[in-house]
Amino acid sequence: MSAVLKRFIEAEARLKQARLDYEKMQNDPKFQRAMEVKEKLHALQDEYAMSADEMVALIKPEAVDEPAPKASGTRRTRRLKKYTNPHTGEVIETRGGNHKGLKEWRDQYGEEVENWGGFIE
């Protein structure tokens, strides 16, 4: 038997079992009651123009997670560093190493550039 035919037969058996499970669920009184409640809730939601979150908040306020306020200013400000090029006398002050002028200096002079800098603050 080819692998493709074997996979098809197995998939067909799973599909048959899934259909049986589906029919069994549809006939379950608990499932039918849950579907009835769901339909009524959707009808109320439409009638009062409320979102699902708003409805949950009415029934159980503690279940609704309030979005945490964004932590602004929690990141420490970087220290200012001053680089002086001994070849040209140019000065660059930056709080990060991603400065265009510093990149050019690093391309031209290599790692030597790191020795040209010192913290001001």
PDB file of N, CA and C in Angstrom:
ATOM      1  N   MET A   1       0.858  -1.177   0.000  1.00  0.00           N
ATOM      2  CA  MET A   1       0.000   0.000   0.000  1.00  0.00           C
ATOM      3  C   MET A   1       0.900   1.234   0.000  1.00  0.00           C
ATOM      4  N   SER A   2       0.571   2.177  -0.840  1.00  0.00           N
ATOM      5  CA  SER A   2       1.408   3.373  -0.927  1.00  0.00           C
ATOM      6  C   SER A   2       1.180   4.264   0.294  1.00  0.00           C
ATOM      7  N   ALA A   3       2.171   5.086   0.562  1.00  0.00           N
ATOM      8  CA  ALA A   3       2.109   5.978   1.724  1.00  0.00           C
ATOM      9  C   ALA A   3       0.966   6.975   1.593  1.00  0.00           C
ATOM     10  N   VAL A   4       0.729   7.424   0.374  1.00  0.00           N
ATOM     11  CA  VAL A   4      -0.343   8.409   0.149  1.00  0.00           C
ATOM     12  C   VAL A   4      -1.697   7.781   0.448  1.00  0.00           C
ATOM     13  N   LEU A   5      -1.902   6.546  -0.016  1.00  0.00           N
ATOM     14  CA  LEU A   5      -3.173   5.863   0.215  1.00  0.00           C
ATOM     15  C   LEU A   5      -3.363   5.588   1.705  1.00  0.00           C
ATOM     16  N   LYS A   6      -2.282   5.218   2.385  1.00  0.00           N
ATOM     17  CA  LYS A   6      -2.345   4.956   3.817  1.00  0.00           C
ATOM     18  C   LYS A   6      -2.739   6.225   4.576  1.00  0.00           C
ATOM     19  N   ARG A   7      -2.104   7.366   4.219  1.00  0.00           N
ATOM     20  CA  ARG A   7      -2.444   8.642   4.871  1.00  0.00           C
ATOM     21  C   ARG A   7      -3.893   9.024   4.621  1.00  0.00           C
ATOM     22  N   PHE A   8      -4.386   8.739   3.400  1.00  0.00           N
ATOM     23  CA  PHE A   8      -5.771   9.061   3.066  1.00  0.00           C
ATOM     24  C   PHE A   8      -6.732   8.241   3.919  1.00  0.00           C
ATOM     25  N   ILE A   9      -6.472   6.953   4.060  1.00  0.00           N
ATOM     26  CA  ILE A   9      -7.346   6.079   4.845  1.00  0.00           C
ATOM     27  C   ILE A   9      -7.358   6.521   6.307  1.00  0.00           C
ATOM     28  N   GLU A  10      -6.173   6.882   6.849  1.00  0.00           N
ATOM     29  CA  GLU A  10      -6.101   7.360   8.227  1.00  0.00           C
ATOM     30  C   GLU A  10      -6.860   8.675   8.402  1.00  0.00           C
ATOM     31  N   ALA A  11      -6.730   9.575   7.443  1.00  0.00           N
ATOM     32  CA  ALA A  11      -7.432  10.863   7.515  1.00  0.00           C
ATOM     33  C   ALA A  11      -8.938  10.643   7.434  1.00  0.00           C
ATOM     34  N   GLU A  12      -9.349   9.693   6.591  1.00  0.00           N
ATOM     35  CA  GLU A  12     -10.775   9.384   6.452  1.00  0.00           C
ATOM     36  C   GLU A  12     -11.337   8.843   7.762  1.00  0.00           C
ATOM     37  N   ALA A  13     -10.561   8.008   8.443  1.00  0.00           N
ATOM     38  CA  ALA A  13     -11.001   7.452   9.728  1.00  0.00           C
ATOM     39  C   ALA A  13     -11.108   8.554  10.776  1.00  0.00           C
ATOM     40  N   ARG A  14     -10.133   9.484  10.786  1.00  0.00           N
ATOM     41  CA  ARG A  14     -10.200  10.599  11.734  1.00  0.00           C
ATOM     42  C   ARG A  14     -11.405  11.482  11.450  1.00  0.00           C
ATOM     43  N   LEU A  15     -11.701  11.705  10.185  1.00  0.00           N
ATOM     44  CA  LEU A  15     -12.847  12.526   9.797  1.00  0.00           C
ATOM     45  C   LEU A  15     -14.145  11.862  10.251  1.00  0.00           C
ATOM     46  N   LYS A  16     -14.236  10.554  10.063  1.00  0.00           N
ATOM     47  CA  LYS A  16     -15.429   9.823  10.478  1.00  0.00           C
ATOM     48  C   LYS A  16     -15.623   9.935  11.994  1.00  0.00           C
ATOM     49  N   GLN A  17     -14.524   9.788  12.755  1.00  0.00           N
ATOM     50  CA  GLN A  17     -14.600   9.890  14.213  1.00  0.00           C
ATOM     51  C   GLN A  17     -14.989  11.305  14.633  1.00  0.00           C
ATOM     52  N   ALA A  18     -14.435  12.316  13.942  1.00  0.00           N
ATOM     53  CA  ALA A  18     -14.763  13.704  14.262  1.00  0.00           C
ATOM     54  C   ALA A  18     -16.245  13.978  14.019  1.00  0.00           C
ATOM     55  N   ARG A  19     -16.793  13.425  12.941  1.00  0.00           N
ATOM     56  CA  ARG A  19     -18.228  13.606  12.662  1.00  0.00           C
ATOM     57  C   ARG A  19     -19.086  12.978  13.758  1.00  0.00           C
ATOM     58  N   LEU A  20     -18.673  11.783  14.219  1.00  0.00           N
ATOM     59  CA  LEU A  20     -19.418  11.123  15.298  1.00  0.00           C
ATOM     60  C   LEU A  20     -19.362  11.961  16.576  1.00  0.00           C
ATOM     61  N   ASP A  21     -18.177  12.487  16.907  1.00  0.00           N
ATOM     62  CA  ASP A  21     -18.031  13.340  18.085  1.00  0.00           C
ATOM     63  C   ASP A  21     -18.880  14.596  17.962  1.00  0.00           C
ATOM     64  N   TYR A  22     -18.902  15.182  16.756  1.00  0.00           N
ATOM     65  CA  TYR A  22     -19.685  16.387  16.498  1.00  0.00           C
ATOM     66  C   TYR A  22     -21.173  16.127  16.719  1.00  0.00           C
ATOM     67  N   GLU A  23     -21.677  15.030  16.175  1.00  0.00           N
ATOM     68  CA  GLU A  23     -23.091  14.699  16.335  1.00  0.00           C
ATOM     69  C   GLU A  23     -23.429  14.425  17.801  1.00  0.00           C
ATOM     70  N   LYS A  24     -22.510  13.764  18.503  1.00  0.00           N
ATOM     71  CA  LYS A  24     -22.719  13.472  19.916  1.00  0.00           C
ATOM     72  C   LYS A  24     -22.809  14.769  20.719  1.00  0.00           C
ATOM     73  N   MET A  25     -21.926  15.725  20.407  1.00  0.00           N
ATOM     74  CA  MET A  25     -21.955  17.015  21.098  1.00  0.00           C
ATOM     75  C   MET A  25     -23.242  17.762  20.815  1.00  0.00           C
ATOM     76  N   GLN A  26     -23.701  17.727  19.581  1.00  0.00           N
ATOM     77  CA  GLN A  26     -24.911  18.451  19.205  1.00  0.00           C
ATOM     78  C   GLN A  26     -26.134  17.930  19.963  1.00  0.00           C
ATOM     79  N   ASN A  27     -26.116  16.670  20.310  1.00  0.00           N
ATOM     80  CA  ASN A  27     -27.256  16.072  21.014  1.00  0.00           C
ATOM     81  C   ASN A  27     -27.126  16.159  22.529  1.00  0.00           C
ATOM     82  N   ASP A  28     -26.021  16.645  23.030  1.00  0.00           N
ATOM     83  CA  ASP A  28     -25.783  16.761  24.469  1.00  0.00           C
ATOM     84  C   ASP A  28     -26.593  17.942  25.018  1.00  0.00           C
ATOM     85  N   PRO A  29     -27.438  17.719  26.052  1.00  0.00           N
ATOM     86  CA  PRO A  29     -28.260  18.800  26.617  1.00  0.00           C
ATOM     87  C   PRO A  29     -27.417  19.949  27.185  1.00  0.00           C
ATOM     88  N   LYS A  30     -26.258  19.653  27.775  1.00  0.00           N
ATOM     89  CA  LYS A  30     -25.402  20.717  28.299  1.00  0.00           C
ATOM     90  C   LYS A  30     -24.915  21.622  27.178  1.00  0.00           C
ATOM     91  N   PHE A  31     -24.541  21.002  26.068  1.00  0.00           N
ATOM     92  CA  PHE A  31     -24.079  21.781  24.918  1.00  0.00           C
ATOM     93  C   PHE A  31     -25.212  22.647  24.372  1.00  0.00           C
ATOM     94  N   GLN A  32     -26.397  22.075  24.252  1.00  0.00           N
ATOM     95  CA  GLN A  32     -27.546  22.820  23.725  1.00  0.00           C
ATOM     96  C   GLN A  32     -27.859  24.016  24.621  1.00  0.00           C
ATOM     97  N   ARG A  33     -27.806  23.816  25.936  1.00  0.00           N
ATOM     98  CA  ARG A  33     -28.061  24.916  26.870  1.00  0.00           C
ATOM     99  C   ARG A  33     -26.992  25.997  26.731  1.00  0.00           C
ATOM    100  N   ALA A  34     -25.738  25.601  26.621  1.00  0.00           N
ATOM    101  CA  ALA A  34     -24.649  26.568  26.461  1.00  0.00           C
ATOM    102  C   ALA A  34     -24.830  27.369  25.178  1.00  0.00           C
ATOM    103  N   MET A  35     -25.240  26.725  24.109  1.00  0.00           N
ATOM    104  CA  MET A  35     -25.465  27.439  22.845  1.00  0.00           C
ATOM    105  C   MET A  35     -26.633  28.413  22.963  1.00  0.00           C
ATOM    106  N   GLU A  36     -27.656  28.023  23.706  1.00  0.00           N
ATOM    107  CA  GLU A  36     -28.803  28.905  23.925  1.00  0.00           C
ATOM    108  C   GLU A  36     -28.377  30.161  24.693  1.00  0.00           C
ATOM    109  N   VAL A  37     -27.583  29.964  25.748  1.00  0.00           N
ATOM    110  CA  VAL A  37     -27.095  31.096  26.533  1.00  0.00           C
ATOM    111  C   VAL A  37     -26.234  32.000  25.647  1.00  0.00           C
ATOM    112  N   LYS A  38     -25.379  31.398  24.844  1.00  0.00           N
ATOM    113  CA  LYS A  38     -24.497  32.168  23.960  1.00  0.00           C
ATOM    114  C   LYS A  38     -25.320  33.027  22.989  1.00  0.00           C
ATOM    115  N   GLU A  39     -26.336  32.438  22.394  1.00  0.00           N
ATOM    116  CA  GLU A  39     -27.182  33.177  21.452  1.00  0.00           C
ATOM    117  C   GLU A  39     -27.894  34.342  22.140  1.00  0.00           C
ATOM    118  N   LYS A  40     -28.390  34.098  23.359  1.00  0.00           N
ATOM    119  CA  LYS A  40     -29.062  35.165  24.093  1.00  0.00           C
ATOM    120  C   LYS A  40     -28.092  36.284  24.465  1.00  0.00           C
ATOM    121  N   LEU A  41     -26.872  35.910  24.852  1.00  0.00           N
ATOM    122  CA  LEU A  41     -25.865  36.925  25.169  1.00  0.00           C
ATOM    123  C   LEU A  41     -25.524  37.771  23.950  1.00  0.00           C
ATOM    124  N   HIS A  42     -25.399  37.121  22.802  1.00  0.00           N
ATOM    125  CA  HIS A  42     -25.121  37.878  21.571  1.00  0.00           C
ATOM    126  C   HIS A  42     -26.270  38.821  21.234  1.00  0.00           C
ATOM    127  N   ALA A  43     -27.489  38.363  21.483  1.00  0.00           N
ATOM    128  CA  ALA A  43     -28.654  39.214  21.233  1.00  0.00           C
ATOM    129  C   ALA A  43     -28.624  40.435  22.159  1.00  0.00           C
ATOM    130  N   LEU A  44     -28.308  40.224  23.437  1.00  0.00           N
ATOM    131  CA  LEU A  44     -28.194  41.341  24.379  1.00  0.00           C
ATOM    132  C   LEU A  44     -27.051  42.277  23.981  1.00  0.00           C
ATOM    133  N   GLN A  45     -25.971  41.689  23.558  1.00  0.00           N
ATOM    134  CA  GLN A  45     -24.816  42.481  23.137  1.00  0.00           C
ATOM    135  C   GLN A  45     -25.191  43.398  21.971  1.00  0.00           C
ATOM    136  N   ASP A  46     -25.917  42.850  21.017  1.00  0.00           N
ATOM    137  CA  ASP A  46     -26.373  43.664  19.878  1.00  0.00           C
ATOM    138  C   ASP A  46     -27.397  44.704  20.317  1.00  0.00           C
ATOM    139  N   GLU A  47     -28.332  44.312  21.179  1.00  0.00           N
ATOM    140  CA  GLU A  47     -29.395  45.217  21.622  1.00  0.00           C
ATOM    141  C   GLU A  47     -28.821  46.438  22.349  1.00  0.00           C
ATOM    142  N   TYR A  48     -27.807  46.218  23.194  1.00  0.00           N
ATOM    143  CA  TYR A  48     -27.242  47.310  23.982  1.00  0.00           C
ATOM    144  C   TYR A  48     -25.932  47.858  23.405  1.00  0.00           C
ATOM    145  N   ALA A  49     -25.535  47.371  22.259  1.00  0.00           N
ATOM    146  CA  ALA A  49     -24.321  47.824  21.574  1.00  0.00           C
ATOM    147  C   ALA A  49     -23.108  47.799  22.516  1.00  0.00           C
ATOM    148  N   MET A  50     -22.867  46.626  23.097  1.00  0.00           N
ATOM    149  CA  MET A  50     -21.753  46.462  24.022  1.00  0.00           C
ATOM    150  C   MET A  50     -20.772  45.432  23.474  1.00  0.00           C
ATOM    151  N   SER A  51     -19.513  45.628  23.831  1.00  0.00           N
ATOM    152  CA  SER A  51     -18.505  44.642  23.447  1.00  0.00           C
ATOM    153  C   SER A  51     -18.534  43.491  24.450  1.00  0.00           C
ATOM    154  N   ALA A  52     -17.900  42.404  24.095  1.00  0.00           N
ATOM    155  CA  ALA A  52     -17.837  41.260  24.988  1.00  0.00           C
ATOM    156  C   ALA A  52     -17.087  41.628  26.270  1.00  0.00           C
ATOM    157  N   ASP A  53     -16.027  42.409  26.142  1.00  0.00           N
ATOM    158  CA  ASP A  53     -15.267  42.837  27.320  1.00  0.00           C
ATOM    159  C   ASP A  53     -16.129  43.669  28.267  1.00  0.00           C
ATOM    160  N   GLU A  54     -16.967  44.540  27.700  1.00  0.00           N
ATOM    161  CA  GLU A  54     -17.845  45.366  28.537  1.00  0.00           C
ATOM    162  C   GLU A  54     -18.857  44.495  29.286  1.00  0.00           C
ATOM    163  N   MET A  55     -19.351  43.468  28.611  1.00  0.00           N
ATOM    164  CA  MET A  55     -20.316  42.582  29.258  1.00  0.00           C
ATOM    165  C   MET A  55     -19.657  41.789  30.383  1.00  0.00           C
ATOM    166  N   VAL A  56     -18.462  41.299  30.146  1.00  0.00           N
ATOM    167  CA  VAL A  56     -17.744  40.559  31.188  1.00  0.00           C
ATOM    168  C   VAL A  56     -17.470  41.474  32.371  1.00  0.00           C
ATOM    169  N   ALA A  57     -17.108  42.716  32.098  1.00  0.00           N
ATOM    170  CA  ALA A  57     -16.819  43.676  33.166  1.00  0.00           C
ATOM    171  C   ALA A  57     -18.059  43.926  34.027  1.00  0.00           C
ATOM    172  N   LEU A  58     -19.246  43.881  33.432  1.00  0.00           N
ATOM    173  CA  LEU A  58     -20.481  44.056  34.197  1.00  0.00           C
ATOM    174  C   LEU A  58     -20.723  42.878  35.125  1.00  0.00           C
ATOM    175  N   ILE A  59     -20.485  41.682  34.618  1.00  0.00           N
ATOM    176  CA  ILE A  59     -20.777  40.476  35.388  1.00  0.00           C
ATOM    177  C   ILE A  59     -19.694  40.193  36.424  1.00  0.00           C
ATOM    178  N   LYS A  60     -18.446  40.332  36.000  1.00  0.00           N
ATOM    179  CA  LYS A  60     -17.334  40.000  36.891  1.00  0.00           C
ATOM    180  C   LYS A  60     -16.196  40.994  36.671  1.00  0.00           C
ATOM    181  N   PRO A  61     -16.267  42.147  37.312  1.00  0.00           N
ATOM    182  CA  PRO A  61     -15.279  43.204  37.088  1.00  0.00           C
ATOM    183  C   PRO A  61     -13.844  42.788  37.382  1.00  0.00           C
ATOM    184  N   GLU A  62     -13.645  41.913  38.365  1.00  0.00           N
ATOM    185  CA  GLU A  62     -12.277  41.522  38.707  1.00  0.00           C
ATOM    186  C   GLU A  62     -11.634  40.646  37.631  1.00  0.00           C
ATOM    187  N   ALA A  63     -12.445  40.106  36.719  1.00  0.00           N
ATOM    188  CA  ALA A  63     -11.906  39.242  35.665  1.00  0.00           C
ATOM    189  C   ALA A  63     -11.297  40.039  34.524  1.00  0.00           C
ATOM    190  N   VAL A  64     -11.656  41.301  34.443  1.00  0.00           N
ATOM    191  CA  VAL A  64     -11.156  42.128  33.350  1.00  0.00           C
ATOM    192  C   VAL A  64      -9.838  42.763  33.763  1.00  0.00           C
ATOM    193  N   ASP A  65      -8.813  42.490  32.996  1.00  0.00           N
ATOM    194  CA  ASP A  65      -7.508  43.085  33.271  1.00  0.00           C
ATOM    195  C   ASP A  65      -7.470  44.487  32.697  1.00  0.00           C
ATOM    196  N   GLU A  66      -7.182  45.423  33.561  1.00  0.00           N
ATOM    197  CA  GLU A  66      -7.002  46.794  33.092  1.00  0.00           C
ATOM    198  C   GLU A  66      -5.650  46.883  32.412  1.00  0.00           C
ATOM    199  N   PRO A  67      -5.594  47.522  31.273  1.00  0.00           N
ATOM    200  CA  PRO A  67      -4.292  47.654  30.624  1.00  0.00           C
ATOM    201  C   PRO A  67      -3.348  48.456  31.514  1.00  0.00           C
ATOM    202  N   ALA A  68      -2.175  47.921  31.696  1.00  0.00           N
ATOM    203  CA  ALA A  68      -1.190  48.592  32.547  1.00  0.00           C
ATOM    204  C   ALA A  68      -0.743  49.880  31.874  1.00  0.00           C
ATOM    205  N   PRO A  69      -0.661  50.949  32.653  1.00  0.00           N
ATOM    206  CA  PRO A  69      -0.200  52.194  32.049  1.00  0.00           C
ATOM    207  C   PRO A  69       1.234  52.032  31.554  1.00  0.00           C
ATOM    208  N   LYS A  70       1.488  52.633  30.427  1.00  0.00           N
ATOM    209  CA  LYS A  70       2.827  52.527  29.860  1.00  0.00           C
ATOM    210  C   LYS A  70       3.815  53.223  30.776  1.00  0.00           C
ATOM    211  N   ALA A  71       4.878  52.529  31.038  1.00  0.00           N
ATOM    212  CA  ALA A  71       5.917  53.068  31.908  1.00  0.00           C
ATOM    213  C   ALA A  71       6.751  54.052  31.104  1.00  0.00           C
ATOM    214  N   SER A  72       6.478  55.306  31.295  1.00  0.00           N
ATOM    215  CA  SER A  72       7.252  56.309  30.568  1.00  0.00           C
ATOM    216  C   SER A  72       8.337  56.836  31.481  1.00  0.00           C
ATOM    217  N   GLY A  73       9.483  57.007  30.934  1.00  0.00           N
ATOM    218  CA  GLY A  73      10.581  57.567  31.706  1.00  0.00           C
ATOM    219  C   GLY A  73      11.232  56.582  32.657  1.00  0.00           C
ATOM    220  N   THR A  74      10.976  55.289  32.469  1.00  0.00           N
ATOM    221  CA  THR A  74      11.587  54.320  33.363  1.00  0.00           C
ATOM    222  C   THR A  74      13.013  53.989  32.929  1.00  0.00           C
ATOM    223  N   ARG A  75      13.306  54.258  31.680  1.00  0.00           N
ATOM    224  CA  ARG A  75      14.648  53.982  31.193  1.00  0.00           C
ATOM    225  C   ARG A  75      15.580  55.120  31.588  1.00  0.00           C
ATOM    226  N   ARG A  76      16.706  54.753  32.133  1.00  0.00           N
ATOM    227  CA  ARG A  76      17.674  55.734  32.583  1.00  0.00           C
ATOM    228  C   ARG A  76      18.270  56.457  31.379  1.00  0.00           C
ATOM    229  N   THR A  77      18.452  57.751  31.493  1.00  0.00           N
ATOM    230  CA  THR A  77      19.047  58.548  30.426  1.00  0.00           C
ATOM    231  C   THR A  77      20.521  58.194  30.317  1.00  0.00           C
ATOM    232  N   ARG A  78      20.958  58.010  29.082  1.00  0.00           N
ATOM    233  CA  ARG A  78      22.367  57.686  28.878  1.00  0.00           C
ATOM    234  C   ARG A  78      23.249  58.882  29.195  1.00  0.00           C
ATOM    235  N   ARG A  79      24.456  58.574  29.635  1.00  0.00           N
ATOM    236  CA  ARG A  79      25.404  59.634  29.984  1.00  0.00           C
ATOM    237  C   ARG A  79      25.982  60.242  28.707  1.00  0.00           C
ATOM    238  N   LEU A  80      26.233  61.525  28.759  1.00  0.00           N
ATOM    239  CA  LEU A  80      26.787  62.241  27.624  1.00  0.00           C
ATOM    240  C   LEU A  80      28.275  61.938  27.516  1.00  0.00           C
ATOM    241  N   LYS A  81      28.705  61.614  26.307  1.00  0.00           N
ATOM    242  CA  LYS A  81      30.105  61.297  26.079  1.00  0.00           C
ATOM    243  C   LYS A  81      30.643  62.233  25.000  1.00  0.00           C
ATOM    244  N   LYS A  82      31.831  62.722  25.218  1.00  0.00           N
ATOM    245  CA  LYS A  82      32.446  63.682  24.297  1.00  0.00           C
ATOM    246  C   LYS A  82      33.660  63.017  23.657  1.00  0.00           C
ATOM    247  N   TYR A  83      33.667  63.006  22.323  1.00  0.00           N
ATOM    248  CA  TYR A  83      34.777  62.456  21.554  1.00  0.00           C
ATOM    249  C   TYR A  83      35.512  63.607  20.876  1.00  0.00           C
ATOM    250  N   THR A  84      36.837  63.616  20.966  1.00  0.00           N
ATOM    251  CA  THR A  84      37.648  64.631  20.296  1.00  0.00           C
ATOM    252  C   THR A  84      38.625  63.921  19.372  1.00  0.00           C
ATOM    253  N   ASN A  85      38.545  64.238  18.089  1.00  0.00           N
ATOM    254  CA  ASN A  85      39.429  63.639  17.090  1.00  0.00           C
ATOM    255  C   ASN A  85      40.774  64.351  17.155  1.00  0.00           C
ATOM    256  N   PRO A  86      41.851  63.647  17.546  1.00  0.00           N
ATOM    257  CA  PRO A  86      43.154  64.301  17.673  1.00  0.00           C
ATOM    258  C   PRO A  86      43.760  64.685  16.317  1.00  0.00           C
ATOM    259  N   HIS A  87      43.303  64.089  15.241  1.00  0.00           N
ATOM    260  CA  HIS A  87      43.834  64.365  13.910  1.00  0.00           C
ATOM    261  C   HIS A  87      43.256  65.651  13.320  1.00  0.00           C
ATOM    262  N   THR A  88      41.963  65.900  13.606  1.00  0.00           N
ATOM    263  CA  THR A  88      41.291  67.054  12.999  1.00  0.00           C
ATOM    264  C   THR A  88      40.845  68.089  14.023  1.00  0.00           C
ATOM    265  N   GLY A  89      40.766  67.683  15.293  1.00  0.00           N
ATOM    266  CA  GLY A  89      40.291  68.601  16.321  1.00  0.00           C
ATOM    267  C   GLY A  89      38.773  68.654  16.419  1.00  0.00           C
ATOM    268  N   GLU A  90      38.059  67.884  15.602  1.00  0.00           N
ATOM    269  CA  GLU A  90      36.600  67.859  15.643  1.00  0.00           C
ATOM    270  C   GLU A  90      36.129  67.271  16.975  1.00  0.00           C
ATOM    271  N   VAL A  91      34.962  67.736  17.440  1.00  0.00           N
ATOM    272  CA  VAL A  91      34.385  67.254  18.692  1.00  0.00           C
ATOM    273  C   VAL A  91      32.965  66.756  18.408  1.00  0.00           C
ATOM    274  N   ILE A  92      32.660  65.587  18.961  1.00  0.00           N
ATOM    275  CA  ILE A  92      31.304  65.039  18.859  1.00  0.00           C
ATOM    276  C   ILE A  92      30.837  64.720  20.267  1.00  0.00           C
ATOM    277  N   GLU A  93      29.647  65.209  20.622  1.00  0.00           N
ATOM    278  CA  GLU A  93      29.018  64.881  21.897  1.00  0.00           C
ATOM    279  C   GLU A  93      27.791  64.033  21.596  1.00  0.00           C
ATOM    280  N   THR A  94      27.694  62.881  22.231  1.00  0.00           N
ATOM    281  CA  THR A  94      26.576  61.985  21.956  1.00  0.00           C
ATOM    282  C   THR A  94      26.225  61.175  23.197  1.00  0.00           C
ATOM    283  N   ARG A  95      24.989  60.689  23.235  1.00  0.00           N
ATOM    284  CA  ARG A  95      24.538  59.829  24.336  1.00  0.00           C
ATOM    285  C   ARG A  95      24.509  58.369  23.901  1.00  0.00           C
ATOM    286  N   GLY A  96      24.802  58.114  22.646  1.00  0.00           N
ATOM    287  CA  GLY A  96      24.812  56.745  22.144  1.00  0.00           C
ATOM    288  C   GLY A  96      25.933  56.564  21.143  1.00  0.00           C
ATOM    289  N   GLY A  97      26.248  55.343  20.837  1.00  0.00           N
ATOM    290  CA  GLY A  97      27.348  55.064  19.917  1.00  0.00           C
ATOM    291  C   GLY A  97      26.930  54.989  18.472  1.00  0.00           C
ATOM    292  N   ASN A  98      25.693  55.300  18.174  1.00  0.00           N
ATOM    293  CA  ASN A  98      25.185  55.159  16.821  1.00  0.00           C
ATOM    294  C   ASN A  98      25.197  56.502  16.083  1.00  0.00           C
ATOM    295  N   HIS A  99      26.171  57.302  16.337  1.00  0.00           N
ATOM    296  CA  HIS A  99      26.277  58.636  15.755  1.00  0.00           C
ATOM    297  C   HIS A  99      26.941  58.536  14.389  1.00  0.00           C
ATOM    298  N   LYS A 100      26.428  59.264  13.416  1.00  0.00           N
ATOM    299  CA  LYS A 100      26.939  59.192  12.051  1.00  0.00           C
ATOM    300  C   LYS A 100      28.424  59.556  11.976  1.00  0.00           C
ATOM    301  N   GLY A 101      28.801  60.625  12.647  1.00  0.00           N
ATOM    302  CA  GLY A 101      30.202  61.051  12.642  1.00  0.00           C
ATOM    303  C   GLY A 101      31.113  60.020  13.286  1.00  0.00           C
ATOM    304  N   LEU A 102      30.652  59.405  14.376  1.00  0.00           N
ATOM    305  CA  LEU A 102      31.448  58.369  15.036  1.00  0.00           C
ATOM    306  C   LEU A 102      31.631  57.155  14.131  1.00  0.00           C
ATOM    307  N   LYS A 103      30.586  56.818  13.415  1.00  0.00           N
ATOM    308  CA  LYS A 103      30.682  55.688  12.489  1.00  0.00           C
ATOM    309  C   LYS A 103      31.741  55.971  11.425  1.00  0.00           C
ATOM    310  N   GLU A 104      31.723  57.182  10.914  1.00  0.00           N
ATOM    311  CA  GLU A 104      32.716  57.542   9.899  1.00  0.00           C
ATOM    312  C   GLU A 104      34.125  57.472  10.481  1.00  0.00           C
ATOM    313  N   TRP A 105      34.306  57.967  11.697  1.00  0.00           N
ATOM    314  CA  TRP A 105      35.615  57.917  12.347  1.00  0.00           C
ATOM    315  C   TRP A 105      36.050  56.467  12.564  1.00  0.00           C
ATOM    316  N   ARG A 106      35.114  55.621  12.997  1.00  0.00           N
ATOM    317  CA  ARG A 106      35.459  54.208  13.221  1.00  0.00           C
ATOM    318  C   ARG A 106      35.861  53.534  11.917  1.00  0.00           C
ATOM    319  N   ASP A 107      35.162  53.877  10.827  1.00  0.00           N
ATOM    320  CA  ASP A 107      35.530  53.319   9.525  1.00  0.00           C
ATOM    321  C   ASP A 107      36.938  53.756   9.129  1.00  0.00           C
ATOM    322  N   GLN A 108      37.259  54.994   9.429  1.00  0.00           N
ATOM    323  CA  GLN A 108      38.543  55.562   9.022  1.00  0.00           C
ATOM    324  C   GLN A 108      39.686  55.183   9.970  1.00  0.00           C
ATOM    325  N   TYR A 109      39.434  55.249  11.294  1.00  0.00           N
ATOM    326  CA  TYR A 109      40.510  55.069  12.273  1.00  0.00           C
ATOM    327  C   TYR A 109      40.407  53.766  13.085  1.00  0.00           C
ATOM    328  N   GLY A 110      39.315  53.046  12.969  1.00  0.00           N
ATOM    329  CA  GLY A 110      39.150  51.777  13.681  1.00  0.00           C
ATOM    330  C   GLY A 110      38.790  51.963  15.144  1.00  0.00           C
ATOM    331  N   GLU A 111      39.170  50.993  15.944  1.00  0.00           N
ATOM    332  CA  GLU A 111      38.818  50.980  17.366  1.00  0.00           C
ATOM    333  C   GLU A 111      39.542  52.057  18.174  1.00  0.00           C
ATOM    334  N   GLU A 112      40.491  52.704  17.595  1.00  0.00           N
ATOM    335  CA  GLU A 112      41.223  53.796  18.241  1.00  0.00           C
ATOM    336  C   GLU A 112      40.269  54.893  18.709  1.00  0.00           C
ATOM    337  N   VAL A 113      39.150  55.038  18.003  1.00  0.00           N
ATOM    338  CA  VAL A 113      38.166  56.092  18.285  1.00  0.00           C
ATOM    339  C   VAL A 113      37.640  55.983  19.716  1.00  0.00           C
ATOM    340  N   GLU A 114      37.494  54.776  20.245  1.00  0.00           N
ATOM    341  CA  GLU A 114      36.955  54.597  21.599  1.00  0.00           C
ATOM    342  C   GLU A 114      37.847  55.267  22.649  1.00  0.00           C
ATOM    343  N   ASN A 115      39.112  55.380  22.368  1.00  0.00           N
ATOM    344  CA  ASN A 115      40.042  56.027  23.309  1.00  0.00           C
ATOM    345  C   ASN A 115      39.928  57.546  23.272  1.00  0.00           C
ATOM    346  N   TRP A 116      39.240  58.095  22.304  1.00  0.00           N
ATOM    347  CA  TRP A 116      39.102  59.553  22.164  1.00  0.00           C
ATOM    348  C   TRP A 116      37.966  60.110  23.001  1.00  0.00           C
ATOM    349  N   GLY A 117      37.125  59.229  23.564  1.00  0.00           N
ATOM    350  CA  GLY A 117      35.931  59.680  24.256  1.00  0.00           C
ATOM    351  C   GLY A 117      36.050  59.639  25.756  1.00  0.00           C
ATOM    352  N   GLY A 118      35.261  60.478  26.378  1.00  0.00           N
ATOM    353  CA  GLY A 118      35.169  60.498  27.834  1.00  0.00           C
ATOM    354  C   GLY A 118      33.824  61.024  28.251  1.00  0.00           C
ATOM    355  N   PHE A 119      33.330  60.543  29.384  1.00  0.00           N
ATOM    356  CA  PHE A 119      32.014  60.981  29.870  1.00  0.00           C
ATOM    357  C   PHE A 119      32.086  62.394  30.415  1.00  0.00           C
ATOM    358  N   ILE A 120      31.051  63.182  30.091  1.00  0.00           N
ATOM    359  CA  ILE A 120      30.951  64.554  30.589  1.00  0.00           C
ATOM    360  C   ILE A 120      30.100  64.554  31.850  1.00  0.00           C
ATOM    361  N   GLU A 121      28.998  63.837  31.817  1.00  0.00           N
ATOM    362  CA  GLU A 121      28.067  63.792  32.952  1.00  0.00           C
ATOM    363  C   GLU A 121      28.306  62.562  33.775  1.00  0.00           C
TER     364      GLU A 121
END
